[in-house]
Amino acid sequence: MANLIYSPKDILQQEFKTKMRGYDPVEVDEFLDNIIKDYESYNKEILALQEENDRLTAKIDQLSKNQAIASRVQQEAPKSQTVTNFDILKRLSNLEKEVFGKKLDRESEPVTRSSSYNSNYTNADFEDDNEKTRQF
């Protein structure tokens, strides 16, 4: 708050000396009472404006942070979407290798040992097919 010389309480408690041809004390008291009311309303207005200023400053800070985050997301979005599509395909390929590769490994052991398959198809061919399936 600004440097005030008199507060409402100082004005209320101020005593004036009376002289022979002085002012009417009742009129002076009424005038000072009105000044006190003005001071109090000014103080209330100043406090309300300070609170509003603080609230608006906080809101500006919050909106600035949100805007900065949004701009970062917009800048990163095209890059991340391109990477994301590639990433998804790569992850899917790795997942297929992991799931189907283990499944084929488990199934290939009994198949390679059994003699019920065509004799033209060798173990090397089984391994070659398994490898191709894993790469797919």
Protein backbone atom coordinates (compact mmCIF):
# COMPACT_ATOMS: atom_id res chain seq x y z
CA MET A 1 0.00 0.00 0.00
CA ALA A 2 1.15 3.58 -0.54
CA ASN A 3 2.80 5.53 2.26
CA LEU A 4 -0.14 7.21 3.97
CA ILE A 5 0.43 9.87 6.53
CA TYR A 6 -2.89 9.30 8.27
CA SER A 7 -4.85 6.14 8.76
CA PRO A 8 -8.58 6.18 9.46
CA LYS A 9 -7.83 5.61 13.12
CA ASP A 10 -5.40 8.60 13.20
CA ILE A 11 -8.05 10.86 11.70
CA LEU A 12 -10.67 9.66 14.19
CA GLN A 13 -8.45 10.22 17.21
CA GLN A 14 -7.08 13.61 16.12
CA GLU A 15 -7.88 16.37 18.61
CA PHE A 16 -7.85 20.02 17.63
CA LYS A 17 -7.33 22.95 19.95
CA THR A 18 -10.11 25.44 20.06
CA LYS A 19 -9.44 29.13 19.84
CA MET A 20 -11.64 32.08 20.17
CA ARG A 21 -12.56 32.35 16.52
CA GLY A 22 -12.07 28.68 15.48
CA TYR A 23 -14.08 26.27 13.39
CA ASP A 24 -17.27 24.62 14.54
CA PRO A 25 -16.16 21.33 16.20
CA VAL A 26 -19.31 19.44 15.13
CA GLU A 27 -18.80 20.42 11.49
CA VAL A 28 -15.12 19.42 11.62
CA ASP A 29 -16.03 16.05 13.19
CA GLU A 30 -18.62 15.35 10.49
CA PHE A 31 -16.13 16.22 7.78
CA LEU A 32 -13.47 14.01 9.35
CA ASP A 33 -15.99 11.16 9.67
CA ASN A 34 -16.63 11.39 5.92
CA ILE A 35 -12.88 11.37 5.25
CA ILE A 36 -12.55 8.22 7.40
CA LYS A 37 -15.30 6.50 5.37
CA ASP A 38 -13.49 7.44 2.16
CA TYR A 39 -10.21 6.07 3.49
CA GLU A 40 -11.86 2.79 4.46
CA SER A 41 -13.57 2.40 1.08
CA TYR A 42 -10.26 3.17 -0.68
CA ASN A 43 -8.51 0.55 1.43
CA LYS A 44 -11.19 -2.02 0.59
CA GLU A 45 -10.93 -1.16 -3.09
CA ILE A 46 -7.14 -1.46 -3.01
CA LEU A 47 -7.33 -4.88 -1.33
CA ALA A 48 -9.94 -6.10 -3.82
CA LEU A 49 -7.82 -4.91 -6.75
CA GLN A 50 -4.70 -6.55 -5.31
CA GLU A 51 -6.56 -9.85 -4.93
CA GLU A 52 -7.88 -9.60 -8.49
CA ASN A 53 -4.40 -8.75 -9.74
CA ASP A 54 -2.94 -11.80 -7.96
CA ARG A 55 -5.71 -14.02 -9.33
CA LEU A 56 -5.22 -12.77 -12.89
CA THR A 57 -1.43 -13.09 -12.64
CA ALA A 58 -1.82 -16.71 -11.51
CA LYS A 59 -4.24 -17.35 -14.38
CA ILE A 60 -1.79 -15.83 -16.88
CA ASP A 61 0.99 -18.04 -15.54
CA GLN A 62 -1.22 -21.12 -15.82
CA LEU A 63 -2.30 -20.28 -19.37
CA SER A 64 1.31 -19.59 -20.37
CA LYS A 65 2.34 -23.01 -19.08
CA ASN A 66 -0.56 -24.67 -20.90
CA GLN A 67 0.30 -22.84 -24.10
CA ALA A 68 3.96 -23.83 -23.83
CA ILE A 69 2.99 -27.47 -23.33
CA ALA A 70 0.54 -27.34 -26.24
CA SER A 71 3.12 -25.81 -28.56
CA ARG A 72 5.68 -28.47 -27.58
CA VAL A 73 3.12 -31.20 -28.27
CA GLN A 74 2.27 -29.68 -31.66
CA GLN A 75 5.94 -29.48 -32.59
CA GLU A 76 6.61 -33.04 -31.53
CA ALA A 77 3.39 -34.54 -32.92
CA PRO A 78 4.42 -34.89 -36.58
CA LYS A 79 7.77 -36.39 -35.64
CA SER A 80 6.35 -38.76 -33.10
CA GLN A 81 3.55 -39.95 -35.39
CA THR A 82 6.03 -40.92 -38.10
CA VAL A 83 8.20 -42.63 -35.54
CA THR A 84 5.15 -44.17 -33.94
CA ASN A 85 4.00 -45.84 -37.16
CA PHE A 86 7.46 -47.25 -37.73
CA ASP A 87 7.70 -48.14 -34.06
CA ILE A 88 4.39 -49.98 -34.14
CA LEU A 89 5.42 -52.05 -37.13
CA LYS A 90 8.77 -52.85 -35.55
CA ARG A 91 7.14 -53.83 -32.25
CA LEU A 92 4.60 -55.95 -34.05
CA SER A 93 7.35 -57.72 -35.96
CA ASN A 94 9.28 -58.35 -32.74
CA LEU A 95 6.12 -59.63 -31.08
CA GLU A 96 5.45 -62.03 -33.94
CA LYS A 97 9.02 -63.27 -33.77
CA GLU A 98 8.71 -63.77 -30.05
CA VAL A 99 5.32 -65.51 -30.08
CA PHE A 100 5.50 -67.50 -33.29
CA GLY A 101 9.22 -68.15 -33.02
CA LYS A 102 8.87 -69.88 -29.65
CA LYS A 103 5.82 -71.75 -30.87
CA LEU A 104 7.64 -72.95 -33.95
CA ASP A 105 10.69 -73.93 -31.93
CA ARG A 106 8.52 -76.07 -29.66
CA GLU A 107 6.70 -77.64 -32.59
CA SER A 108 9.83 -78.16 -34.68
CA GLU A 109 11.54 -80.50 -32.23
CA PRO A 110 8.97 -83.32 -32.45
CA VAL A 111 8.43 -82.76 -36.18
CA THR A 112 12.09 -83.06 -37.09
CA ARG A 113 12.43 -86.27 -35.14
CA SER A 114 9.38 -87.91 -36.61
CA SER A 115 9.76 -89.89 -39.77
CA SER A 116 6.17 -89.52 -40.98
CA TYR A 117 7.08 -86.62 -43.30
CA ASN A 118 8.31 -86.92 -46.83
CA SER A 119 11.89 -88.05 -46.99
CA ASN A 120 12.67 -85.32 -49.57
CA TYR A 121 12.15 -82.66 -46.89
CA THR A 122 15.26 -82.48 -44.68
CA ASN A 123 15.91 -80.98 -41.25
CA ALA A 124 17.79 -78.13 -42.91
CA ASP A 125 14.63 -77.28 -44.84
CA PHE A 126 12.62 -77.23 -41.58
CA GLU A 127 15.14 -74.88 -39.99
CA ASP A 128 15.17 -72.70 -43.11
CA ASP A 129 11.34 -72.47 -43.05
CA ASN A 130 11.37 -71.67 -39.34
CA GLU A 131 13.87 -68.89 -39.92
CA LYS A 132 11.80 -67.42 -42.75
CA THR A 133 8.70 -67.53 -40.56
CA ARG A 134 10.55 -65.71 -37.77
CA GLN A 135 11.71 -63.02 -40.17
CA PHE A 136 8.18 -62.52 -41.47
